[in-house]
Amino acid sequence: MNYEIEYDLVNFQDHLVKTGTKKDAKKLKLFTRSIHILLFNKKGEIMICKRPVNKKTYPNLITSSAGGHVEQGETYKIAAKRELREELNIKIPLKDLGRFDVITANERAIHHLFFSKLNKKVLVDPNEISHYYFLSAEDIKSDINLHPRKYAKPFIEAFKYYSKCSKKL
């Protein structure tokens, strides 16, 4: 079966224009919606994950604790909670830090960044995460500067946004 998932396609103001595929969004210069989640352990370190080598987008690259596209009809928060269940098998409260955008040759997406403390064990979906570990924000920043190609572009933007917002937290 060859089908493509349909998403809410939105304009830059995040208003619904139509539903369609990622290809439609690219062709029409519309945006999809996505979420990223940063989870913090008791030491204040951030859980980062490596994507499996067989993923279509950003294979074998480092990304946020969890994340993904907002499905048709979902809110950002509902999508974030769904992604936590699907990728890490957990249910925890989340705080929305706000919006950041990623515009590349292959992607036009409005992202919302969520965060939370991680106080329970996770059970990762191996189709989504090959492995994970915790690093301090300072170590992540340093590693991104030294080795940016190890990281998925949306994660780099999410981390920059977090770094800007964390000064206000």
N, C-alpha and C. Protein backbone atom coordinates (compact mmCIF):
# COMPACT_ATOMS: atom_id res chain seq x y z
N MET A 1 0.85 -1.17 0.00
CA MET A 1 0.00 0.00 0.00
C MET A 1 0.90 1.25 0.00
N ASN A 2 0.65 2.13 -0.94
CA ASN A 2 1.45 3.36 -1.02
C ASN A 2 0.53 4.55 -0.77
N TYR A 3 0.59 5.07 0.42
CA TYR A 3 -0.21 6.25 0.73
C TYR A 3 0.67 7.24 1.47
N GLU A 4 0.29 8.48 1.38
CA GLU A 4 1.03 9.52 2.08
C GLU A 4 0.13 10.10 3.16
N ILE A 5 0.72 10.36 4.29
CA ILE A 5 -0.02 10.93 5.41
C ILE A 5 -0.40 12.36 5.08
N GLU A 6 -1.61 12.74 5.42
CA GLU A 6 -2.05 14.12 5.24
C GLU A 6 -1.95 14.87 6.56
N TYR A 7 -1.52 16.11 6.45
CA TYR A 7 -1.33 16.99 7.60
C TYR A 7 -2.13 18.26 7.38
N ASP A 8 -2.28 19.04 8.46
CA ASP A 8 -2.80 20.39 8.32
C ASP A 8 -1.68 21.22 7.73
N LEU A 9 -1.92 21.85 6.61
CA LEU A 9 -0.94 22.74 5.98
C LEU A 9 -1.34 24.16 6.32
N VAL A 10 -0.39 24.93 6.81
CA VAL A 10 -0.69 26.25 7.35
C VAL A 10 0.19 27.32 6.71
N ASN A 11 -0.24 28.58 6.86
CA ASN A 11 0.59 29.70 6.40
C ASN A 11 1.54 30.11 7.53
N PHE A 12 2.34 31.13 7.29
CA PHE A 12 3.34 31.54 8.28
C PHE A 12 2.70 32.01 9.59
N GLN A 13 1.45 32.47 9.52
CA GLN A 13 0.74 32.88 10.73
C GLN A 13 0.14 31.69 11.47
N ASP A 14 0.39 30.49 10.96
CA ASP A 14 -0.09 29.24 11.56
C ASP A 14 -1.60 29.08 11.44
N HIS A 15 -2.17 29.65 10.38
CA HIS A 15 -3.59 29.49 10.10
C HIS A 15 -3.76 28.38 9.07
N LEU A 16 -4.73 27.52 9.30
CA LEU A 16 -5.00 26.40 8.40
C LEU A 16 -5.37 26.90 7.01
N VAL A 17 -4.69 26.37 6.00
CA VAL A 17 -5.00 26.69 4.61
C VAL A 17 -5.73 25.51 3.98
N LYS A 18 -5.20 24.32 4.19
CA LYS A 18 -5.79 23.10 3.64
C LYS A 18 -5.12 21.89 4.27
N THR A 19 -5.62 20.71 3.97
CA THR A 19 -4.91 19.50 4.36
C THR A 19 -4.18 18.98 3.13
N GLY A 20 -3.07 18.29 3.39
CA GLY A 20 -2.30 17.75 2.28
C GLY A 20 -1.06 17.05 2.79
N THR A 21 -0.26 16.57 1.87
CA THR A 21 0.96 15.84 2.19
C THR A 21 2.13 16.81 2.36
N LYS A 22 3.26 16.28 2.81
CA LYS A 22 4.47 17.10 2.90
C LYS A 22 4.87 17.61 1.52
N LYS A 23 4.65 16.77 0.49
CA LYS A 23 4.95 17.20 -0.89
C LYS A 23 4.08 18.39 -1.28
N ASP A 24 2.80 18.33 -0.89
CA ASP A 24 1.90 19.45 -1.18
C ASP A 24 2.39 20.72 -0.49
N ALA A 25 2.81 20.59 0.75
CA ALA A 25 3.30 21.75 1.51
C ALA A 25 4.49 22.37 0.79
N LYS A 26 5.40 21.54 0.33
CA LYS A 26 6.59 22.04 -0.36
C LYS A 26 6.20 22.74 -1.67
N LYS A 27 5.34 22.09 -2.44
CA LYS A 27 4.92 22.64 -3.74
C LYS A 27 4.18 23.97 -3.57
N LEU A 28 3.35 24.06 -2.55
CA LEU A 28 2.52 25.25 -2.33
C LEU A 28 3.19 26.29 -1.42
N LYS A 29 4.41 25.99 -0.98
CA LYS A 29 5.15 26.87 -0.06
C LYS A 29 4.36 27.14 1.22
N LEU A 30 3.73 26.08 1.72
CA LEU A 30 3.02 26.14 3.00
C LEU A 30 3.87 25.45 4.06
N PHE A 31 3.43 25.50 5.29
CA PHE A 31 4.15 24.93 6.41
C PHE A 31 3.40 23.73 6.98
N THR A 32 4.16 22.76 7.47
CA THR A 32 3.60 21.72 8.32
C THR A 32 3.85 22.15 9.76
N ARG A 33 3.26 21.43 10.70
CA ARG A 33 3.46 21.71 12.12
C ARG A 33 4.22 20.55 12.74
N SER A 34 5.16 20.88 13.63
CA SER A 34 5.97 19.86 14.30
C SER A 34 6.19 20.25 15.75
N ILE A 35 6.61 19.26 16.53
CA ILE A 35 6.94 19.52 17.93
C ILE A 35 8.29 18.89 18.26
N HIS A 36 8.96 19.49 19.21
CA HIS A 36 10.17 18.94 19.80
C HIS A 36 9.99 18.97 21.31
N ILE A 37 10.55 17.98 21.99
CA ILE A 37 10.46 17.90 23.44
C ILE A 37 11.87 17.70 24.00
N LEU A 38 12.20 18.50 25.00
CA LEU A 38 13.46 18.33 25.73
C LEU A 38 13.12 17.86 27.13
N LEU A 39 13.71 16.73 27.51
CA LEU A 39 13.50 16.17 28.84
C LEU A 39 14.78 16.30 29.64
N PHE A 40 14.62 16.67 30.90
CA PHE A 40 15.76 16.93 31.78
C PHE A 40 15.79 15.93 32.93
N ASN A 41 16.98 15.37 33.20
CA ASN A 41 17.11 14.47 34.35
C ASN A 41 17.33 15.29 35.63
N LYS A 42 17.52 14.60 36.74
CA LYS A 42 17.68 15.27 38.04
C LYS A 42 18.91 16.17 38.10
N LYS A 43 19.92 15.87 37.26
CA LYS A 43 21.14 16.69 37.23
C LYS A 43 20.98 17.92 36.33
N GLY A 44 19.83 18.03 35.66
CA GLY A 44 19.61 19.14 34.74
C GLY A 44 20.14 18.88 33.35
N GLU A 45 20.56 17.65 33.08
CA GLU A 45 21.07 17.30 31.76
C GLU A 45 19.90 17.00 30.82
N ILE A 46 20.13 17.22 29.55
CA ILE A 46 19.10 17.04 28.53
C ILE A 46 19.25 15.67 27.87
N MET A 47 18.13 14.98 27.75
CA MET A 47 18.11 13.70 27.03
C MET A 47 18.13 13.99 25.53
N ILE A 48 19.17 13.48 24.85
CA ILE A 48 19.21 13.60 23.39
C ILE A 48 19.23 12.19 22.80
N CYS A 49 18.67 12.08 21.61
CA CYS A 49 18.48 10.77 20.99
C CYS A 49 19.12 10.72 19.61
N LYS A 50 19.58 9.54 19.27
CA LYS A 50 20.11 9.31 17.92
C LYS A 50 19.03 8.59 17.12
N ARG A 51 18.77 9.12 15.93
CA ARG A 51 17.77 8.52 15.05
C ARG A 51 18.34 7.27 14.39
N PRO A 52 17.51 6.28 14.14
CA PRO A 52 18.00 5.07 13.47
C PRO A 52 18.56 5.38 12.08
N VAL A 53 19.48 4.57 11.65
CA VAL A 53 20.15 4.75 10.36
C VAL A 53 19.18 4.59 9.19
N ASN A 54 18.07 3.88 9.38
CA ASN A 54 17.13 3.62 8.30
C ASN A 54 16.01 4.66 8.19
N LYS A 55 16.04 5.73 8.99
CA LYS A 55 15.01 6.76 8.91
C LYS A 55 15.15 7.53 7.60
N LYS A 56 14.02 7.92 7.03
CA LYS A 56 14.03 8.65 5.76
C LYS A 56 14.60 10.06 5.94
N THR A 57 14.20 10.73 7.01
CA THR A 57 14.71 12.08 7.26
C THR A 57 15.67 12.07 8.45
N TYR A 58 16.75 12.75 8.29
CA TYR A 58 17.79 12.89 9.32
C TYR A 58 18.26 11.54 9.88
N PRO A 59 18.58 10.57 9.00
CA PRO A 59 19.04 9.26 9.50
C PRO A 59 20.35 9.38 10.27
N ASN A 60 20.43 8.64 11.37
CA ASN A 60 21.65 8.51 12.16
C ASN A 60 22.14 9.84 12.75
N LEU A 61 21.23 10.81 12.87
CA LEU A 61 21.60 12.11 13.44
C LEU A 61 20.99 12.26 14.82
N ILE A 62 21.58 13.15 15.60
CA ILE A 62 21.13 13.40 16.97
C ILE A 62 19.98 14.41 16.94
N THR A 63 19.00 14.16 17.78
CA THR A 63 17.84 15.04 17.85
C THR A 63 17.35 15.16 19.30
N SER A 64 16.19 15.76 19.46
CA SER A 64 15.64 16.02 20.78
C SER A 64 15.17 14.73 21.46
N SER A 65 14.70 14.88 22.69
CA SER A 65 14.24 13.72 23.47
C SER A 65 13.11 12.99 22.77
N ALA A 66 12.22 13.74 22.16
CA ALA A 66 11.11 13.19 21.38
C ALA A 66 10.62 14.29 20.46
N GLY A 67 9.91 13.90 19.43
CA GLY A 67 9.38 14.91 18.52
C GLY A 67 8.73 14.28 17.32
N GLY A 68 8.10 15.13 16.53
CA GLY A 68 7.46 14.65 15.32
C GLY A 68 6.47 15.65 14.78
N HIS A 69 5.80 15.24 13.72
CA HIS A 69 4.81 16.11 13.09
C HIS A 69 3.49 16.09 13.86
N VAL A 70 2.82 17.21 13.81
CA VAL A 70 1.47 17.32 14.35
C VAL A 70 0.54 16.72 13.31
N GLU A 71 -0.26 15.75 13.71
CA GLU A 71 -1.15 15.09 12.77
C GLU A 71 -2.38 15.95 12.50
N GLN A 72 -3.06 15.64 11.42
CA GLN A 72 -4.24 16.40 11.01
C GLN A 72 -5.24 16.51 12.16
N GLY A 73 -5.63 17.75 12.48
CA GLY A 73 -6.62 17.99 13.53
C GLY A 73 -6.08 18.05 14.94
N GLU A 74 -4.81 17.73 15.15
CA GLU A 74 -4.21 17.76 16.49
C GLU A 74 -3.75 19.16 16.87
N THR A 75 -3.67 19.41 18.17
CA THR A 75 -2.99 20.60 18.66
C THR A 75 -1.52 20.23 18.87
N TYR A 76 -0.70 21.26 19.07
CA TYR A 76 0.72 20.99 19.34
C TYR A 76 0.87 20.16 20.61
N LYS A 77 0.12 20.51 21.65
CA LYS A 77 0.27 19.81 22.93
C LYS A 77 -0.18 18.35 22.83
N ILE A 78 -1.27 18.11 22.16
CA ILE A 78 -1.74 16.73 21.99
C ILE A 78 -0.71 15.92 21.20
N ALA A 79 -0.13 16.53 20.17
CA ALA A 79 0.91 15.85 19.39
C ALA A 79 2.12 15.53 20.26
N ALA A 80 2.51 16.47 21.13
CA ALA A 80 3.66 16.24 22.00
C ALA A 80 3.40 15.07 22.95
N LYS A 81 2.21 15.03 23.52
CA LYS A 81 1.87 13.92 24.43
C LYS A 81 1.85 12.59 23.68
N ARG A 82 1.32 12.61 22.45
CA ARG A 82 1.29 11.38 21.64
C ARG A 82 2.71 10.91 21.32
N GLU A 83 3.58 11.83 20.93
CA GLU A 83 4.96 11.45 20.61
C GLU A 83 5.69 10.88 21.82
N LEU A 84 5.44 11.43 23.01
CA LEU A 84 6.05 10.87 24.22
C LEU A 84 5.62 9.42 24.44
N ARG A 85 4.33 9.16 24.24
CA ARG A 85 3.82 7.79 24.39
C ARG A 85 4.43 6.87 23.34
N GLU A 86 4.43 7.32 22.08
CA GLU A 86 4.90 6.48 20.98
C GLU A 86 6.40 6.21 21.05
N GLU A 87 7.18 7.24 21.34
CA GLU A 87 8.64 7.10 21.26
C GLU A 87 9.28 6.64 22.56
N LEU A 88 8.71 7.04 23.70
CA LEU A 88 9.35 6.76 24.99
C LEU A 88 8.46 6.00 25.97
N ASN A 89 7.21 5.77 25.60
CA ASN A 89 6.26 5.05 26.44
C ASN A 89 6.10 5.70 27.82
N ILE A 90 5.98 7.03 27.83
CA ILE A 90 5.76 7.75 29.09
C ILE A 90 4.64 8.77 28.93
N LYS A 91 4.08 9.13 30.08
CA LYS A 91 3.06 10.17 30.15
C LYS A 91 3.47 11.10 31.28
N ILE A 92 3.87 12.34 30.94
CA ILE A 92 4.30 13.32 31.94
C ILE A 92 3.78 14.70 31.53
N PRO A 93 3.65 15.61 32.50
CA PRO A 93 3.21 16.97 32.15
C PRO A 93 4.28 17.69 31.32
N LEU A 94 3.83 18.53 30.40
CA LEU A 94 4.74 19.27 29.53
C LEU A 94 4.44 20.76 29.60
N LYS A 95 5.49 21.55 29.44
CA LYS A 95 5.33 23.01 29.33
C LYS A 95 5.75 23.43 27.93
N ASP A 96 4.96 24.31 27.33
CA ASP A 96 5.23 24.80 25.98
C ASP A 96 6.08 26.06 26.06
N LEU A 97 7.29 25.99 25.53
CA LEU A 97 8.18 27.16 25.51
C LEU A 97 7.84 28.10 24.37
N GLY A 98 7.14 27.62 23.35
CA GLY A 98 6.75 28.49 22.25
C GLY A 98 7.22 28.01 20.90
N ARG A 99 7.12 28.93 19.95
CA ARG A 99 7.31 28.63 18.53
C ARG A 99 8.71 29.00 18.04
N PHE A 100 9.21 28.13 17.16
CA PHE A 100 10.38 28.45 16.34
C PHE A 100 10.14 27.82 14.98
N ASP A 101 10.77 28.36 13.96
CA ASP A 101 10.53 27.90 12.59
C ASP A 101 11.79 27.27 12.00
N VAL A 102 11.57 26.29 11.15
CA VAL A 102 12.66 25.67 10.40
C VAL A 102 12.29 25.74 8.93
N ILE A 103 13.13 26.44 8.17
CA ILE A 103 12.92 26.57 6.73
C ILE A 103 14.22 26.16 6.04
N THR A 104 14.15 25.03 5.34
CA THR A 104 15.30 24.54 4.58
C THR A 104 14.82 24.19 3.18
N ALA A 105 15.71 23.68 2.36
CA ALA A 105 15.33 23.26 1.01
C ALA A 105 14.29 22.14 1.05
N ASN A 106 14.33 21.31 2.11
CA ASN A 106 13.44 20.16 2.20
C ASN A 106 12.30 20.32 3.19
N GLU A 107 12.30 21.38 3.95
CA GLU A 107 11.32 21.47 5.04
C GLU A 107 10.91 22.92 5.29
N ARG A 108 9.63 23.09 5.50
CA ARG A 108 9.07 24.36 5.98
C ARG A 108 8.13 23.96 7.10
N ALA A 109 8.56 24.19 8.33
CA ALA A 109 7.77 23.72 9.47
C ALA A 109 7.74 24.75 10.59
N ILE A 110 6.56 24.87 11.18
CA ILE A 110 6.40 25.64 12.40
C ILE A 110 6.50 24.64 13.54
N HIS A 111 7.44 24.85 14.42
CA HIS A 111 7.68 23.94 15.54
C HIS A 111 7.26 24.60 16.85
N HIS A 112 6.82 23.79 17.79
CA HIS A 112 6.67 24.23 19.18
C HIS A 112 7.60 23.37 20.01
N LEU A 113 8.27 24.01 20.95
CA LEU A 113 9.22 23.33 21.82
C LEU A 113 8.60 23.15 23.20
N PHE A 114 8.56 21.91 23.65
CA PHE A 114 8.05 21.57 24.98
C PHE A 114 9.21 21.06 25.83
N PHE A 115 9.03 21.15 27.15
CA PHE A 115 10.05 20.60 28.04
C PHE A 115 9.39 20.05 29.29
N SER A 116 10.15 19.19 29.99
CA SER A 116 9.67 18.62 31.24
C SER A 116 10.83 17.95 31.96
N LYS A 117 10.62 17.69 33.23
CA LYS A 117 11.56 16.87 33.99
C LYS A 117 11.21 15.41 33.74
N LEU A 118 12.24 14.60 33.61
CA LEU A 118 12.05 13.17 33.40
C LEU A 118 12.32 12.47 34.71
N ASN A 119 11.26 11.95 35.31
CA ASN A 119 11.40 11.31 36.62
C ASN A 119 10.93 9.86 36.58
N LYS A 120 10.94 9.27 35.40
CA LYS A 120 10.58 7.86 35.28
C LYS A 120 11.39 7.22 34.17
N LYS A 121 11.38 5.91 34.16
CA LYS A 121 12.12 5.16 33.14
C LYS A 121 11.39 5.26 31.80
N VAL A 122 12.19 5.27 30.74
CA VAL A 122 11.62 5.29 29.40
C VAL A 122 11.82 3.93 28.74
N LEU A 123 10.94 3.63 27.82
CA LEU A 123 11.05 2.42 27.00
C LEU A 123 11.02 2.90 25.55
N VAL A 124 12.20 3.00 24.94
CA VAL A 124 12.28 3.61 23.61
C VAL A 124 11.76 2.69 22.52
N ASP A 125 11.15 3.30 21.52
CA ASP A 125 10.74 2.59 20.31
C ASP A 125 11.96 2.53 19.40
N PRO A 126 12.51 1.34 19.14
CA PRO A 126 13.73 1.24 18.32
C PRO A 126 13.54 1.71 16.88
N ASN A 127 12.30 1.83 16.43
CA ASN A 127 12.04 2.37 15.09
C ASN A 127 12.21 3.89 15.06
N GLU A 128 12.19 4.51 16.23
CA GLU A 128 12.30 5.97 16.33
C GLU A 128 13.64 6.42 16.92
N ILE A 129 14.20 5.61 17.82
CA ILE A 129 15.41 6.00 18.55
C ILE A 129 16.36 4.82 18.59
N SER A 130 17.59 5.01 18.10
CA SER A 130 18.56 3.91 18.17
C SER A 130 19.22 3.87 19.54
N HIS A 131 19.49 5.03 20.13
CA HIS A 131 19.94 5.09 21.52
C HIS A 131 19.84 6.54 22.01
N TYR A 132 19.96 6.70 23.32
CA TYR A 132 19.85 8.03 23.91
C TYR A 132 20.87 8.17 25.03
N TYR A 133 21.13 9.41 25.38
CA TYR A 133 22.02 9.71 26.50
C TYR A 133 21.72 11.13 26.98
N PHE A 134 22.33 11.50 28.08
CA PHE A 134 22.11 12.81 28.69
C PHE A 134 23.39 13.63 28.63
N LEU A 135 23.25 14.91 28.27
CA LEU A 135 24.37 15.84 28.26
C LEU A 135 23.92 17.17 28.83
N SER A 136 24.86 17.91 29.38
CA SER A 136 24.55 19.26 29.85
C SER A 136 24.31 20.16 28.63
N ALA A 137 23.57 21.24 28.85
CA ALA A 137 23.32 22.19 27.77
C ALA A 137 24.64 22.74 27.24
N GLU A 138 25.59 22.98 28.13
CA GLU A 138 26.90 23.51 27.71
C GLU A 138 27.63 22.52 26.81
N ASP A 139 27.58 21.23 27.16
CA ASP A 139 28.23 20.21 26.33
C ASP A 139 27.55 20.06 24.97
N ILE A 140 26.23 20.17 24.95
CA ILE A 140 25.51 20.09 23.67
C ILE A 140 25.89 21.28 22.80
N LYS A 141 25.88 22.46 23.38
CA LYS A 141 26.25 23.67 22.63
C LYS A 141 27.65 23.54 22.03
N SER A 142 28.58 23.09 22.84
CA SER A 142 29.96 22.92 22.39
C SER A 142 30.06 21.89 21.26
N ASP A 143 29.36 20.76 21.41
CA ASP A 143 29.42 19.71 20.41
C ASP A 143 28.76 20.15 19.10
N ILE A 144 27.65 20.89 19.19
CA ILE A 144 27.01 21.41 17.97
C ILE A 144 27.98 22.33 17.24
N ASN A 145 28.69 23.17 17.99
CA ASN A 145 29.65 24.08 17.36
C ASN A 145 30.80 23.32 16.70
N LEU A 146 31.26 22.24 17.34
CA LEU A 146 32.38 21.46 16.80
C LEU A 146 31.96 20.50 15.68
N HIS A 147 30.77 19.92 15.82
CA HIS A 147 30.32 18.85 14.91
C HIS A 147 28.86 19.06 14.49
N PRO A 148 28.53 20.14 13.81
CA PRO A 148 27.12 20.40 13.49
C PRO A 148 26.47 19.33 12.62
N ARG A 149 27.25 18.62 11.83
CA ARG A 149 26.67 17.60 10.94
C ARG A 149 26.20 16.35 11.67
N LYS A 150 26.52 16.22 12.96
CA LYS A 150 26.03 15.10 13.76
C LYS A 150 24.58 15.30 14.18
N TYR A 151 24.07 16.52 14.00
CA TYR A 151 22.77 16.90 14.54
C TYR A 151 21.76 17.20 13.44
N ALA A 152 20.51 16.80 13.67
CA ALA A 152 19.42 17.16 12.76
C ALA A 152 19.20 18.67 12.83
N LYS A 153 19.03 19.29 11.68
CA LYS A 153 18.84 20.74 11.62
C LYS A 153 17.71 21.23 12.54
N PRO A 154 16.54 20.58 12.55
CA PRO A 154 15.49 21.06 13.46
C PRO A 154 15.91 21.01 14.94
N PHE A 155 16.73 20.02 15.31
CA PHE A 155 17.19 19.97 16.70
C PHE A 155 18.11 21.15 16.99
N ILE A 156 19.00 21.48 16.06
CA ILE A 156 19.88 22.63 16.27
C ILE A 156 19.05 23.89 16.50
N GLU A 157 18.00 24.07 15.70
CA GLU A 157 17.13 25.24 15.87
C GLU A 157 16.37 25.17 17.19
N ALA A 158 15.90 23.98 17.55
CA ALA A 158 15.20 23.81 18.84
C ALA A 158 16.13 24.15 19.99
N PHE A 159 17.36 23.69 19.91
CA PHE A 159 18.32 23.95 20.99
C PHE A 159 18.66 25.43 21.08
N LYS A 160 18.83 26.10 19.94
CA LYS A 160 19.07 27.55 19.95
C LYS A 160 17.89 28.27 20.60
N TYR A 161 16.68 27.84 20.25
CA TYR A 161 15.49 28.47 20.82
C TYR A 161 15.43 28.23 22.33
N TYR A 162 15.71 27.00 22.74
CA TYR A 162 15.74 26.70 24.18
C TYR A 162 16.79 27.57 24.89
N SER A 163 17.96 27.69 24.30
CA SER A 163 19.03 28.48 24.92
C SER A 163 18.60 29.92 25.11
N LYS A 164 17.90 30.46 24.12
CA LYS A 164 17.40 31.83 24.22
C LYS A 164 16.33 31.94 25.31
N CYS A 165 15.41 30.99 25.34
CA CYS A 165 14.31 31.02 26.31
C CYS A 165 14.76 30.69 27.73
N SER A 166 15.77 29.84 27.87
CA SER A 166 16.18 29.38 29.21
C SER A 166 16.70 30.53 30.06
N LYS A 167 17.15 31.59 29.43
CA LYS A 167 17.61 32.76 30.18
C LYS A 167 16.46 33.45 30.88
N LYS A 168 15.23 33.23 30.37
CA LYS A 168 14.04 33.86 30.94
C LYS A 168 13.32 32.96 31.94
N LEU A 169 13.71 31.68 32.00
CA LEU A 169 13.01 30.72 32.89
C LEU A 169 13.41 30.91 34.34
